[in-house]
Amino acid sequence: MARIVAVAMSGGVDSSVAATLLAGAGDQVFGLMLRLWSDPDRGVNRCCAPEDVVRARQTAATLGIPFYVLDAQEPFREAVVETFVRGYAQGLTPNPCFTCNREIRWGFLLRQALAMGATHLATGHYAQTDLRRGSWRLLRGRDPTKDQSYVLSVLGQHELAHALFPLGRMTKHEVRSLARDRDLPAKDRADSQDLCFLGGGDYRDFLADRVPDAHTPGPILNSQGESIGVHAGLSNYTVGQRKGIRLATPSALYVLEKRPEANVLVVGPRPALGRSEFPVGDLHWVAGRPPSSLRGLRVQVRYRSPAVPATIELLKPSQALVRTADPVAEVSPGQGAVFFRGSECLGGGMILP
């Protein structure tokens, strides 16, 4: 049976190439673009700016496929933006990409695509899937510099059964080359790096309007518990940060910890930064259950961080304790801890304070 594929299009090069590959493979393809919420004081959402809608529509017309724009502003604001704001209010450093993938792209958008008759939803993510012994697996993309399995770790069997990642076996260079060869409208569009809903603005200014307490000054303590200065509000800092502490000291200081209940920022030298043991909550397993063995796993704690060997102790169905042989410098509450065995992404959860 021919596949009917909805392609999530953003006007960028990755989704444009994904649509091009699928249309060329003989699938019945149509494009879907989400209109997402953005802060009205800071410009349009960088995932659906007017020029991006034009590029996506032009790409669809070039490919001869239908194209639709769906309004997801309110679901996006409630699920992604409000969760982001609440996280910072609690002293966390949330990653909104996890929430967006779980609730919007593979929640709202997948439901809409299926309701419109699609059998599959394709995106321009750099990841791969395969079916083994009746269970779908999520695998790293071929290009290690672009692999996005980390932020897709929130997907489960239902989502993966409908998922297509046409770029999973490609490198970014190959994607760019194909886009230029086909003269796609997005061939030279730069990748977006900032939080999409801020329109390129600073998240600290955005939070200052919505979480005034997060910008309340408080004491800076060193690792011995001594007060050595005053911080400018906990939302201005993240664990591992060096710049912006603004203390005159003989050696560089890094943010070691945020204590929102006392409005305290703890700083210290780089050797004190790492953690080799930390709790993880809101556990999610791609297979729908933990693996039969938790041996030989690696944990990745930031999108750009390497996965390191770890032991995982399940404390309850939704919580685990992660231990690493060597301290990991980037461990920050609110970020994702994602577990891998080789190239397979098994799932993950949120790092807890």
Protein backbone atom coordinates (compact mmCIF):
# COMPACT_ATOMS: atom_id res chain seq x y z
CA MET A 1 0.00 0.00 0.00
CA ALA A 2 1.36 3.43 -0.93
CA ARG A 3 2.31 5.63 1.97
CA ILE A 4 0.53 8.93 2.50
CA VAL A 5 3.14 11.15 4.12
CA ALA A 6 2.63 14.49 5.82
CA VAL A 7 5.92 16.38 5.90
CA ALA A 8 6.45 18.90 8.69
CA MET A 9 7.78 21.89 6.77
CA SER A 10 9.39 24.95 8.33
CA GLY A 11 10.81 26.72 5.29
CA GLY A 12 14.28 25.49 6.25
CA VAL A 13 16.68 23.39 4.23
CA ASP A 14 16.23 20.17 6.23
CA SER A 15 12.45 19.89 5.93
CA SER A 16 12.61 21.04 2.29
CA VAL A 17 15.04 18.26 1.42
CA ALA A 18 12.98 15.73 3.39
CA ALA A 19 9.91 16.65 1.33
CA THR A 20 11.93 16.49 -1.89
CA LEU A 21 13.24 13.00 -1.14
CA LEU A 22 9.81 11.62 -0.27
CA ALA A 23 8.07 13.18 -3.25
CA GLY A 24 10.79 11.72 -5.49
CA ALA A 25 10.36 8.27 -3.96
CA GLY A 26 6.76 8.03 -5.17
CA ASP A 27 4.99 8.56 -1.84
CA GLN A 28 1.78 10.54 -1.75
CA VAL A 29 3.08 13.64 0.04
CA PHE A 30 1.60 16.83 1.43
CA GLY A 31 3.22 19.56 3.48
CA LEU A 32 2.12 20.85 6.87
CA MET A 33 3.47 23.95 8.57
CA LEU A 34 2.62 25.03 12.09
CA ARG A 35 1.93 28.63 12.99
CA LEU A 36 3.48 28.87 16.45
CA TRP A 37 3.13 31.45 19.22
CA SER A 38 5.76 34.13 19.66
CA ASP A 39 6.20 36.97 22.10
CA PRO A 40 4.43 39.91 20.39
CA ASP A 41 7.01 42.33 21.82
CA ARG A 42 9.94 40.40 20.32
CA GLY A 43 8.91 39.60 16.76
CA VAL A 44 7.66 36.53 14.95
CA ASN A 45 8.43 32.93 15.79
CA ARG A 46 11.63 31.95 14.02
CA CYS A 47 10.14 28.60 13.00
CA CYS A 48 7.28 30.18 11.05
CA ALA A 49 8.24 33.71 10.02
CA PRO A 50 6.36 35.03 6.96
CA GLU A 51 9.40 34.50 4.74
CA ASP A 52 9.61 30.90 5.96
CA VAL A 53 5.97 30.30 5.06
CA VAL A 54 6.70 31.68 1.59
CA ARG A 55 9.74 29.40 1.16
CA ALA A 56 7.81 26.35 2.33
CA ARG A 57 4.91 27.16 0.01
CA GLN A 58 7.30 27.69 -2.91
CA THR A 59 9.00 24.36 -2.19
CA ALA A 60 5.66 22.56 -2.12
CA ALA A 61 4.64 24.19 -5.40
CA THR A 62 7.95 23.17 -6.99
CA LEU A 63 7.38 19.58 -5.87
CA GLY A 64 3.73 19.64 -6.91
CA ILE A 65 2.42 18.71 -3.47
CA PRO A 66 -0.43 20.26 -1.42
CA PHE A 67 0.59 22.59 1.41
CA TYR A 68 -1.35 23.63 4.50
CA VAL A 69 -0.65 25.93 7.45
CA LEU A 70 -2.12 24.86 10.79
CA ASP A 71 -2.68 27.21 13.72
CA ALA A 72 -0.92 25.80 16.79
CA GLN A 73 -0.28 29.07 18.59
CA GLU A 74 -2.32 28.35 21.69
CA PRO A 75 -1.25 24.69 22.17
CA PHE A 76 2.37 25.80 21.70
CA ARG A 77 2.06 28.64 24.20
CA GLU A 78 0.43 26.44 26.83
CA ALA A 79 2.66 23.38 26.40
CA VAL A 80 6.04 24.86 25.51
CA VAL A 81 6.23 28.49 26.57
CA GLU A 82 4.44 28.19 29.90
CA THR A 83 6.45 25.08 30.82
CA PHE A 84 9.63 27.00 29.99
CA VAL A 85 8.58 29.92 32.19
CA ARG A 86 7.56 27.66 35.10
CA GLY A 87 10.86 25.81 34.88
CA TYR A 88 12.91 28.96 35.27
CA ALA A 89 10.64 30.13 38.08
CA GLN A 90 11.59 26.90 39.90
CA GLY A 91 15.31 27.49 39.39
CA LEU A 92 15.64 24.97 36.54
CA THR A 93 17.25 25.35 33.12
CA PRO A 94 14.58 23.77 30.90
CA ASN A 95 15.09 22.63 27.32
CA PRO A 96 11.87 23.52 25.44
CA CYS A 97 12.78 21.25 22.51
CA PHE A 98 11.81 18.19 24.57
CA THR A 99 8.37 19.61 25.32
CA CYS A 100 7.87 20.78 21.75
CA ASN A 101 8.71 17.37 20.29
CA ARG A 102 6.52 15.51 22.77
CA GLU A 103 3.49 17.80 22.84
CA ILE A 104 3.52 19.73 19.56
CA ARG A 105 5.43 18.09 16.71
CA TRP A 106 4.73 14.49 17.71
CA GLY A 107 1.53 15.24 19.61
CA PHE A 108 -0.58 17.99 18.05
CA LEU A 109 0.94 17.77 14.57
CA LEU A 110 0.87 13.96 14.37
CA ARG A 111 -2.80 13.92 15.40
CA GLN A 112 -3.62 16.51 12.75
CA ALA A 113 -1.68 14.62 10.07
CA LEU A 114 -3.44 11.32 10.83
CA ALA A 115 -6.83 13.06 10.86
CA MET A 116 -6.02 14.40 7.39
CA GLY A 117 -5.46 10.87 6.09
CA ALA A 118 -1.70 10.52 6.46
CA THR A 119 -0.17 7.16 7.31
CA HIS A 120 3.14 8.76 8.32
CA LEU A 121 4.62 12.03 9.53
CA ALA A 122 8.07 12.96 8.24
CA THR A 123 10.40 15.60 9.67
CA GLY A 124 13.85 16.91 8.84
CA HIS A 125 15.38 15.51 12.02
CA TYR A 126 18.73 13.74 11.81
CA ALA A 127 17.80 10.40 13.36
CA GLN A 128 16.91 6.88 12.25
CA THR A 129 14.41 4.17 13.17
CA ASP A 130 14.13 0.45 12.67
CA LEU A 131 11.74 -2.31 13.65
CA ARG A 132 13.24 -5.21 15.58
CA ARG A 133 11.26 -8.10 17.09
CA GLY A 134 8.05 -6.11 16.82
CA SER A 135 9.43 -3.03 18.61
CA TRP A 136 10.46 0.26 17.05
CA ARG A 137 13.93 1.55 17.88
CA LEU A 138 15.22 5.12 17.75
CA LEU A 139 18.80 5.37 16.47
CA ARG A 140 21.33 8.14 16.12
CA GLY A 141 21.62 9.91 12.77
CA ARG A 142 24.59 9.18 10.56
CA ASP A 143 26.00 12.71 10.94
CA PRO A 144 27.35 12.92 14.51
CA THR A 145 27.48 16.71 14.36
CA LYS A 146 23.75 16.95 13.61
CA ASP A 147 22.31 13.88 15.37
CA GLN A 148 19.00 14.80 17.05
CA SER A 149 18.07 11.57 18.77
CA TYR A 150 18.73 13.36 22.09
CA VAL A 151 15.69 15.64 21.71
CA LEU A 152 13.62 12.85 20.12
CA SER A 153 14.07 10.59 23.15
CA VAL A 154 10.54 11.59 24.25
CA LEU A 155 9.00 9.55 21.42
CA GLY A 156 7.39 6.18 21.99
CA GLN A 157 6.10 3.25 19.98
CA HIS A 158 3.00 5.03 18.67
CA GLU A 159 4.99 7.98 17.36
CA LEU A 160 7.82 5.90 15.86
CA ALA A 161 5.35 3.63 14.07
CA HIS A 162 4.28 6.71 12.08
CA ALA A 163 7.66 8.48 11.92
CA LEU A 164 9.87 8.96 8.89
CA PHE A 165 13.27 10.64 9.09
CA PRO A 166 14.51 10.88 5.48
CA LEU A 167 17.72 12.68 6.49
CA GLY A 168 18.82 10.07 9.03
CA ARG A 169 21.39 8.51 6.73
CA MET A 170 22.65 11.82 5.33
CA THR A 171 25.20 14.38 6.47
CA LYS A 172 24.39 18.08 6.64
CA HIS A 173 26.84 18.66 3.79
CA GLU A 174 24.94 16.19 1.61
CA VAL A 175 21.64 17.86 2.48
CA ARG A 176 22.96 21.30 1.54
CA SER A 177 24.41 19.95 -1.69
CA LEU A 178 21.13 18.32 -2.68
CA ALA A 179 19.21 21.53 -1.90
CA ARG A 180 21.55 23.53 -4.12
CA ASP A 181 21.47 20.94 -6.89
CA ARG A 182 17.67 21.11 -6.89
CA ASP A 183 17.73 24.90 -6.45
CA LEU A 184 15.33 24.71 -3.50
CA PRO A 185 14.21 28.09 -2.09
CA ALA A 186 15.79 27.25 1.30
CA LYS A 187 19.13 26.11 -0.12
CA ASP A 188 21.10 28.89 1.61
CA ARG A 189 18.92 29.50 4.66
CA ALA A 190 20.96 29.43 7.87
CA ASP A 191 20.04 27.04 10.67
CA SER A 192 18.12 28.60 13.55
CA GLN A 193 19.97 28.55 16.87
CA ASP A 194 17.90 30.63 19.30
CA LEU A 195 14.66 29.93 21.11
CA CYS A 196 12.14 30.18 18.29
CA PHE A 197 9.41 32.00 20.23
CA LEU A 198 11.66 34.91 21.22
CA GLY A 199 12.26 36.10 17.67
CA GLY A 200 15.99 36.31 18.32
CA GLY A 201 15.59 38.22 21.59
CA ASP A 202 17.26 37.44 24.91
CA TYR A 203 15.41 34.93 27.07
CA ARG A 204 16.47 36.85 30.20
CA ASP A 205 14.46 39.91 29.11
CA PHE A 206 11.51 37.64 28.30
CA LEU A 207 11.63 36.04 31.75
CA ALA A 208 11.99 39.40 33.49
CA ASP A 209 8.50 40.30 32.23
CA ARG A 210 6.93 37.02 33.35
CA VAL A 211 8.89 35.87 36.38
CA PRO A 212 9.93 39.01 38.26
CA ASP A 213 11.11 36.97 41.27
CA ALA A 214 13.60 35.17 39.03
CA HIS A 215 15.46 38.46 38.70
CA THR A 216 15.55 39.22 42.42
CA PRO A 217 19.18 39.71 43.57
CA GLY A 218 20.55 37.33 46.17
CA PRO A 219 23.79 36.09 47.71
CA ILE A 220 26.58 34.37 45.83
CA LEU A 221 28.29 31.70 47.91
CA ASN A 222 31.55 29.93 47.26
CA SER A 223 31.87 26.17 47.66
CA GLN A 224 32.78 26.68 51.33
CA GLY A 225 29.46 28.46 51.96
CA GLU A 226 30.98 31.93 52.30
CA SER A 227 29.16 34.94 50.86
CA ILE A 228 31.34 36.56 48.18
CA GLY A 229 28.93 38.74 46.24
CA VAL A 230 25.41 39.37 44.96
CA HIS A 231 23.84 37.79 41.87
CA ALA A 232 21.45 39.52 39.47
CA GLY A 233 18.65 36.92 39.67
CA LEU A 234 18.87 33.15 39.27
CA SER A 235 17.29 33.14 35.81
CA ASN A 236 20.43 34.85 34.50
CA TYR A 237 22.58 31.81 35.23
CA THR A 238 22.90 28.16 34.34
CA VAL A 239 25.10 25.45 35.80
CA GLY A 240 28.54 25.52 34.17
CA GLN A 241 28.29 29.19 33.20
CA ARG A 242 31.46 31.26 33.48
CA LYS A 243 30.65 34.63 31.94
CA GLY A 244 28.33 37.05 33.69
CA ILE A 245 29.19 36.20 37.31
CA ARG A 246 31.04 39.51 37.56
CA LEU A 247 33.25 38.86 40.54
CA ALA A 248 36.87 40.00 40.68
CA THR A 249 38.75 36.85 41.70
CA PRO A 250 42.26 35.54 40.99
CA SER A 251 40.91 32.55 39.05
CA ALA A 252 37.80 31.92 36.96
CA LEU A 253 34.57 30.96 38.74
CA TYR A 254 31.77 28.80 37.40
CA VAL A 255 28.15 28.36 38.45
CA LEU A 256 28.01 25.14 40.49
CA GLU A 257 24.45 25.21 41.78
CA LYS A 258 21.26 27.26 41.98
CA ARG A 259 19.18 27.12 45.19
CA PRO A 260 15.85 28.75 44.32
CA GLU A 261 14.28 28.14 47.72
CA ALA A 262 16.90 30.47 49.27
CA ASN A 263 17.64 32.50 46.12
CA VAL A 264 21.29 31.50 46.38
CA LEU A 265 23.87 31.06 43.62
CA VAL A 266 26.84 28.80 44.38
CA VAL A 267 30.06 29.28 42.41
CA GLY A 268 33.49 27.70 42.46
CA PRO A 269 36.51 26.66 40.38
CA ARG A 270 36.10 24.44 37.34
CA PRO A 271 37.32 21.24 39.10
CA ALA A 272 34.36 21.58 41.50
CA LEU A 273 31.86 21.83 38.65
CA GLY A 274 31.30 18.19 37.73
CA ARG A 275 28.77 15.79 39.20
CA SER A 276 29.14 12.03 39.09
CA GLU A 277 25.76 11.26 40.67
CA PHE A 278 22.41 12.89 39.99
CA PRO A 279 18.69 11.99 40.05
CA VAL A 280 16.52 11.88 36.94
CA GLY A 281 12.73 12.12 36.99
CA ASP A 282 9.83 11.87 34.52
CA LEU A 283 11.45 8.78 33.01
CA HIS A 284 10.34 7.77 29.54
CA TRP A 285 11.41 4.65 27.66
CA VAL A 286 11.15 4.48 23.86
CA ALA A 287 10.14 0.81 24.06
CA GLY A 288 7.47 1.58 26.65
CA ARG A 289 9.42 -0.19 29.41
CA PRO A 290 12.97 -0.19 30.79
CA PRO A 291 15.50 -2.40 29.00
CA SER A 292 15.98 -5.86 30.49
CA SER A 293 19.54 -4.90 31.39
CA LEU A 294 20.81 -1.49 32.43
CA ARG A 295 24.43 -2.46 31.91
CA GLY A 296 26.65 -0.92 29.26
CA LEU A 297 24.64 2.29 28.94
CA ARG A 298 25.78 5.83 28.30
CA VAL A 299 24.13 9.06 29.38
CA GLN A 300 24.04 12.36 27.49
CA VAL A 301 23.13 15.45 29.53
CA ARG A 302 23.15 18.21 26.88
CA TYR A 303 22.39 18.29 23.16
CA ARG A 304 26.03 19.01 22.30
CA SER A 305 27.61 16.95 25.09
CA PRO A 306 29.17 13.54 24.51
CA ALA A 307 27.46 10.47 25.96
CA VAL A 308 29.52 9.03 28.81
CA PRO A 309 29.44 5.58 30.48
CA ALA A 310 26.93 5.43 33.33
CA THR A 311 25.20 3.09 35.72
CA ILE A 312 21.49 3.61 36.23
CA GLU A 313 19.60 2.57 39.33
CA LEU A 314 15.81 2.59 39.04
CA LEU A 315 14.34 4.06 42.22
CA LYS A 316 10.72 3.94 41.05
CA PRO A 317 9.02 3.70 37.66
CA SER A 318 9.41 7.44 37.07
CA GLN A 319 12.77 8.09 38.72
CA ALA A 320 16.36 6.86 38.56
CA LEU A 321 19.76 7.63 40.02
CA VAL A 322 22.55 8.05 37.48
CA ARG A 323 26.21 7.53 38.34
CA THR A 324 29.17 8.21 36.10
CA ALA A 325 32.78 7.11 36.57
CA ASP A 326 34.08 10.66 36.11
CA PRO A 327 32.36 13.93 37.02
CA VAL A 328 30.27 15.45 34.22
CA ALA A 329 30.51 19.22 34.05
CA GLU A 330 27.28 20.00 32.19
CA VAL A 331 24.75 18.44 34.58
CA SER A 332 22.01 21.04 35.06
CA PRO A 333 18.57 20.49 36.64
CA GLY A 334 15.83 20.90 34.04
CA GLN A 335 17.91 19.59 31.16
CA GLY A 336 17.43 16.11 29.72
CA ALA A 337 19.45 13.03 30.66
CA VAL A 338 19.15 10.64 27.73
CA PHE A 339 20.31 7.00 27.75
CA PHE A 340 22.01 5.19 24.89
CA ARG A 341 23.25 1.70 24.20
CA GLY A 342 25.58 2.04 21.24
CA SER A 343 23.69 4.02 18.62
CA GLU A 344 20.27 3.19 20.06
CA CYS A 345 18.44 5.85 22.08
CA LEU A 346 16.58 4.05 24.87
CA GLY A 347 14.83 7.03 26.46
CA GLY A 348 15.56 9.46 29.25
CA GLY A 349 14.15 11.95 31.69
CA MET A 350 14.69 15.32 33.32
CA ILE A 351 17.66 16.00 35.57
CA LEU A 352 16.38 16.84 39.04
CA PRO A 353 17.94 19.27 41.57
